[in-house]
C-alpha atoms as a PDB file:
ATOM      1  CA  UNK A   1     134.426  93.989  95.281  1.00  0.00           C
ATOM      2  CA  UNK A   2     130.461  93.637  95.994  1.00  0.00           C
ATOM      3  CA  UNK A   3     128.184  93.742  94.192  1.00  0.00           C
ATOM      4  CA  UNK A   4     124.474  95.376  95.096  1.00  0.00           C
ATOM      5  CA  UNK A   5     121.620  93.526  93.613  1.00  0.00           C
ATOM      6  CA  UNK A   6     120.357  96.261  91.415  1.00  0.00           C
ATOM      7  CA  UNK A   7     124.425  96.960  90.059  1.00  0.00           C
ATOM      8  CA  UNK A   8     124.094  92.622  88.966  1.00  0.00           C
ATOM      9  CA  UNK A   9     122.335  90.935  85.560  1.00  0.00           C
ATOM     10  CA  UNK A  10     121.150  87.916  87.476  1.00  0.00           C
ATOM     11  CA  UNK A  11     120.239  86.493  90.188  1.00  0.00           C
ATOM     12  CA  UNK A  12     119.782  83.254  91.320  1.00  0.00           C
ATOM     13  CA  UNK A  13     117.056  81.410  92.926  1.00  0.00           C
ATOM     14  CA  UNK A  14     115.930  77.587  93.573  1.00  0.00           C
ATOM     15  CA  UNK A  15     113.606  76.280  92.211  1.00  0.00           C
ATOM     16  CA  UNK A  16     111.096  76.234  94.257  1.00  0.00           C
ATOM     17  CA  UNK A  17     111.029  80.309  94.819  1.00  0.00           C
ATOM     18  CA  UNK A  18     111.058  80.942  91.295  1.00  0.00           C
ATOM     19  CA  UNK A  19     108.707  79.400  90.616  1.00  0.00           C
ATOM     20  CA  UNK A  20     106.416  81.015  94.645  1.00  0.00           C
ATOM     21  CA  UNK A  21     107.440  84.303  93.134  1.00  0.00           C
ATOM     22  CA  UNK A  22     105.953  84.112  89.332  1.00  0.00           C
ATOM     23  CA  UNK A  23     102.834  82.318  90.343  1.00  0.00           C
ATOM     24  CA  UNK A  24     103.277  85.660  93.044  1.00  0.00           C
ATOM     25  CA  UNK A  25     103.451  87.949  90.192  1.00  0.00           C
ATOM     26  CA  UNK A  26     100.166  86.016  88.245  1.00  0.00           C
ATOM     27  CA  UNK A  27      98.148  86.512  91.132  1.00  0.00           C
ATOM     28  CA  UNK A  28      99.018  90.182  91.957  1.00  0.00           C
ATOM     29  CA  UNK A  29      98.798  90.518  87.701  1.00  0.00           C
ATOM     30  CA  UNK A  30      95.261  89.198  88.488  1.00  0.00           C
ATOM     31  CA  UNK A  31      94.158  91.425  91.046  1.00  0.00           C
ATOM     32  CA  UNK A  32      94.782  94.450  90.109  1.00  0.00           C
ATOM     33  CA  UNK A  33      93.080  93.561  86.840  1.00  0.00           C
ATOM     34  CA  UNK A  34      89.687  92.726  88.138  1.00  0.00           C
ATOM     35  CA  UNK A  35      90.042  95.803  91.280  1.00  0.00           C
ATOM     36  CA  UNK A  36      90.120  97.541  87.538  1.00  0.00           C
ATOM     37  CA  UNK A  37      87.309  95.921  86.288  1.00  0.00           C
ATOM     38  CA  UNK A  38      85.443  97.013  89.385  1.00  0.00           C
ATOM     39  CA  UNK A  39      86.585 100.126  89.279  1.00  0.00           C
ATOM     40  CA  UNK A  40      85.574 100.535  85.827  1.00  0.00           C
ATOM     41  CA  UNK A  41      82.051  98.944  86.801  1.00  0.00           C
ATOM     42  CA  UNK A  42      81.150 101.396  90.106  1.00  0.00           C
ATOM     43  CA  UNK A  43      82.044 104.394  87.360  1.00  0.00           C
ATOM     44  CA  UNK A  44      79.594 102.861  84.824  1.00  0.00           C
ATOM     45  CA  UNK A  45      77.019 102.639  87.107  1.00  0.00           C
ATOM     46  CA  UNK A  46      77.833 106.110  88.857  1.00  0.00           C
ATOM     47  CA  UNK A  47      77.842 108.003  85.605  1.00  0.00           C
ATOM     48  CA  UNK A  48      80.588 108.746  85.785  1.00  0.00           C
ATOM     49  CA  UNK A  49      81.227 108.798  81.761  1.00  0.00           C
ATOM     50  CA  UNK A  50      83.665 110.279  78.741  1.00  0.00           C
ATOM     51  CA  UNK A  51      81.251 110.207  75.656  1.00  0.00           C
ATOM     52  CA  UNK A  52      83.523 110.477  72.501  1.00  0.00           C
ATOM     53  CA  UNK A  53      82.693 110.172  68.415  1.00  0.00           C
ATOM     54  CA  UNK A  54      84.407 106.098  67.668  1.00  0.00           C
ATOM     55  CA  UNK A  55      86.541 108.301  65.104  1.00  0.00           C
ATOM     56  CA  UNK A  56      87.789 110.672  67.444  1.00  0.00           C
ATOM     57  CA  UNK A  57      88.221 107.116  69.856  1.00  0.00           C
ATOM     58  CA  UNK A  58      90.086 105.328  66.987  1.00  0.00           C
ATOM     59  CA  UNK A  59      92.119 108.886  66.543  1.00  0.00           C
ATOM     60  CA  UNK A  60      93.457 108.799  69.643  1.00  0.00           C
ATOM     61  CA  UNK A  61      94.931 105.399  69.801  1.00  0.00           C
END
């Protein structure tokens, strides 16, 4: 009986493909971070900010 990939615990990949996928994952995570940073800067420039007291901010964390 064959199992789907979702049912397996491990997937076998050649080393080169693994390295490529690992670098791709890092690149996508980095691009997502940069996109969020850009959006934050844009919101600051347009005044889309929320003011909260320091005590409330620390309490929410």
